[in-house]
Amino acid sequence: MLNIWQNYVILYLGDSFMTIYDRIKDLRISQKMSQTDLAIKMGYKDGSMITKIESGKVDISQKKIIAFAKALDTTPAYLMG
């Protein structure tokens, strides 16, 4: 039940409470891109680093934020919220 409530709050508030990691995942999914596809665009060998980034286990540098923005056809400002 709590999970349903959390999803409702996220939908109701839009992306106001989304982290950079959430935005990266959301954009990747909305563009029907796999983690492996994004990894290749970012220069990683496989999707495991994207999994770590999207889960917030790895911090990303400003340089990588710019690269993610380019790979996901958005702006660094949008990713950073």
C-alpha atoms as a PDB file:
ATOM      1  CA  MET A   1       0.000   0.000   0.000  1.00  0.00           C
ATOM      2  CA  LEU A   2       2.802   2.420   0.828  1.00  0.00           C
ATOM      3  CA  ASN A   3       4.408   1.826  -2.566  1.00  0.00           C
ATOM      4  CA  ILE A   4       1.175   2.835  -4.324  1.00  0.00           C
ATOM      5  CA  TRP A   5       1.049   6.029  -2.215  1.00  0.00           C
ATOM      6  CA  GLN A   6       4.675   6.864  -3.077  1.00  0.00           C
ATOM      7  CA  ASN A   7       3.924   6.459  -6.783  1.00  0.00           C
ATOM      8  CA  TYR A   8       0.892   8.730  -6.438  1.00  0.00           C
ATOM      9  CA  VAL A   9       2.971  11.434  -4.753  1.00  0.00           C
ATOM     10  CA  ILE A  10       5.592  11.276  -7.467  1.00  0.00           C
ATOM     11  CA  LEU A  11       2.935  11.540 -10.179  1.00  0.00           C
ATOM     12  CA  TYR A  12       1.122  14.345  -8.398  1.00  0.00           C
ATOM     13  CA  LEU A  13       4.217  16.432  -7.796  1.00  0.00           C
ATOM     14  CA  GLY A  14       5.697  15.803 -11.206  1.00  0.00           C
ATOM     15  CA  ASP A  15       9.490  15.850 -11.328  1.00  0.00           C
ATOM     16  CA  SER A  16       9.899  18.307  -8.430  1.00  0.00           C
ATOM     17  CA  PHE A  17      11.385  15.680  -6.149  1.00  0.00           C
ATOM     18  CA  MET A  18      13.301  13.734  -8.750  1.00  0.00           C
ATOM     19  CA  THR A  19      17.039  13.398  -8.349  1.00  0.00           C
ATOM     20  CA  ILE A  20      19.501  13.638 -11.211  1.00  0.00           C
ATOM     21  CA  TYR A  21      19.611   9.835 -11.137  1.00  0.00           C
ATOM     22  CA  ASP A  22      15.811   9.645 -11.442  1.00  0.00           C
ATOM     23  CA  ARG A  23      15.830  12.070 -14.362  1.00  0.00           C
ATOM     24  CA  ILE A  24      18.498  10.081 -16.202  1.00  0.00           C
ATOM     25  CA  LYS A  25      16.480   6.869 -15.771  1.00  0.00           C
ATOM     26  CA  ASP A  26      13.191   8.563 -16.687  1.00  0.00           C
ATOM     27  CA  LEU A  27      14.614  10.056 -19.883  1.00  0.00           C
ATOM     28  CA  ARG A  28      16.305   6.793 -20.854  1.00  0.00           C
ATOM     29  CA  ILE A  29      13.061   4.854 -20.433  1.00  0.00           C
ATOM     30  CA  SER A  30      10.941   7.489 -22.186  1.00  0.00           C
ATOM     31  CA  GLN A  31      13.305   7.241 -25.172  1.00  0.00           C
ATOM     32  CA  LYS A  32      12.968   3.441 -25.141  1.00  0.00           C
ATOM     33  CA  MET A  33      16.699   3.124 -24.573  1.00  0.00           C
ATOM     34  CA  SER A  34      18.187   0.195 -22.688  1.00  0.00           C
ATOM     35  CA  GLN A  35      20.866   0.650 -20.061  1.00  0.00           C
ATOM     36  CA  THR A  36      23.281  -0.984 -22.485  1.00  0.00           C
ATOM     37  CA  ASP A  37      22.325   1.487 -25.233  1.00  0.00           C
ATOM     38  CA  LEU A  38      22.950   4.437 -22.927  1.00  0.00           C
ATOM     39  CA  ALA A  39      26.180   2.886 -21.682  1.00  0.00           C
ATOM     40  CA  ILE A  40      27.477   2.641 -25.244  1.00  0.00           C
ATOM     41  CA  LYS A  41      26.563   6.285 -25.936  1.00  0.00           C
ATOM     42  CA  MET A  42      28.390   7.251 -22.741  1.00  0.00           C
ATOM     43  CA  GLY A  43      31.490   5.207 -23.564  1.00  0.00           C
ATOM     44  CA  TYR A  44      30.994   2.505 -20.914  1.00  0.00           C
ATOM     45  CA  LYS A  45      31.550  -1.163 -21.731  1.00  0.00           C
ATOM     46  CA  ASP A  46      28.141  -2.357 -20.521  1.00  0.00           C
ATOM     47  CA  GLY A  47      25.026  -1.317 -18.655  1.00  0.00           C
ATOM     48  CA  SER A  48      26.326  -2.084 -15.155  1.00  0.00           C
ATOM     49  CA  MET A  49      27.629   1.458 -14.622  1.00  0.00           C
ATOM     50  CA  ILE A  50      24.284   2.902 -15.752  1.00  0.00           C
ATOM     51  CA  THR A  51      22.566   0.649 -13.200  1.00  0.00           C
ATOM     52  CA  LYS A  52      24.829   2.023 -10.464  1.00  0.00           C
ATOM     53  CA  ILE A  53      24.313   5.633 -11.574  1.00  0.00           C
ATOM     54  CA  GLU A  54      20.533   5.333 -11.835  1.00  0.00           C
ATOM     55  CA  SER A  55      20.373   3.823  -8.353  1.00  0.00           C
ATOM     56  CA  GLY A  56      22.447   6.698  -6.939  1.00  0.00           C
ATOM     57  CA  LYS A  57      25.343   4.478  -5.917  1.00  0.00           C
ATOM     58  CA  VAL A  58      27.850   6.426  -8.009  1.00  0.00           C
ATOM     59  CA  ASP A  59      28.296  10.180  -8.109  1.00  0.00           C
ATOM     60  CA  ILE A  60      28.761  11.709 -11.522  1.00  0.00           C
ATOM     61  CA  SER A  61      31.084  14.531 -12.422  1.00  0.00           C
ATOM     62  CA  GLN A  62      30.066  17.748 -14.129  1.00  0.00           C
ATOM     63  CA  LYS A  63      31.712  16.471 -17.307  1.00  0.00           C
ATOM     64  CA  LYS A  64      29.581  13.305 -17.175  1.00  0.00           C
ATOM     65  CA  ILE A  65      26.414  15.328 -16.509  1.00  0.00           C
ATOM     66  CA  ILE A  66      27.089  17.200 -19.740  1.00  0.00           C
ATOM     67  CA  ALA A  67      27.687  13.911 -21.559  1.00  0.00           C
ATOM     68  CA  PHE A  68      24.468  12.406 -20.154  1.00  0.00           C
ATOM     69  CA  ALA A  69      22.539  15.498 -21.247  1.00  0.00           C
ATOM     70  CA  LYS A  70      23.893  15.146 -24.772  1.00  0.00           C
ATOM     71  CA  ALA A  71      23.220  11.393 -24.914  1.00  0.00           C
ATOM     72  CA  LEU A  72      19.657  11.908 -23.649  1.00  0.00           C
ATOM     73  CA  ASP A  73      18.947  14.968 -25.808  1.00  0.00           C
ATOM     74  CA  THR A  74      18.345  17.327 -22.898  1.00  0.00           C
ATOM     75  CA  THR A  75      20.201  20.008 -20.980  1.00  0.00           C
ATOM     76  CA  PRO A  76      22.494  19.700 -17.962  1.00  0.00           C
ATOM     77  CA  ALA A  77      20.189  22.161 -16.183  1.00  0.00           C
ATOM     78  CA  TYR A  78      17.216  19.820 -16.589  1.00  0.00           C
ATOM     79  CA  LEU A  79      19.198  16.858 -15.257  1.00  0.00           C
ATOM     80  CA  MET A  80      20.328  18.825 -12.222  1.00  0.00           C
ATOM     81  CA  GLY A  81      16.804  20.005 -11.503  1.00  0.00           C
END
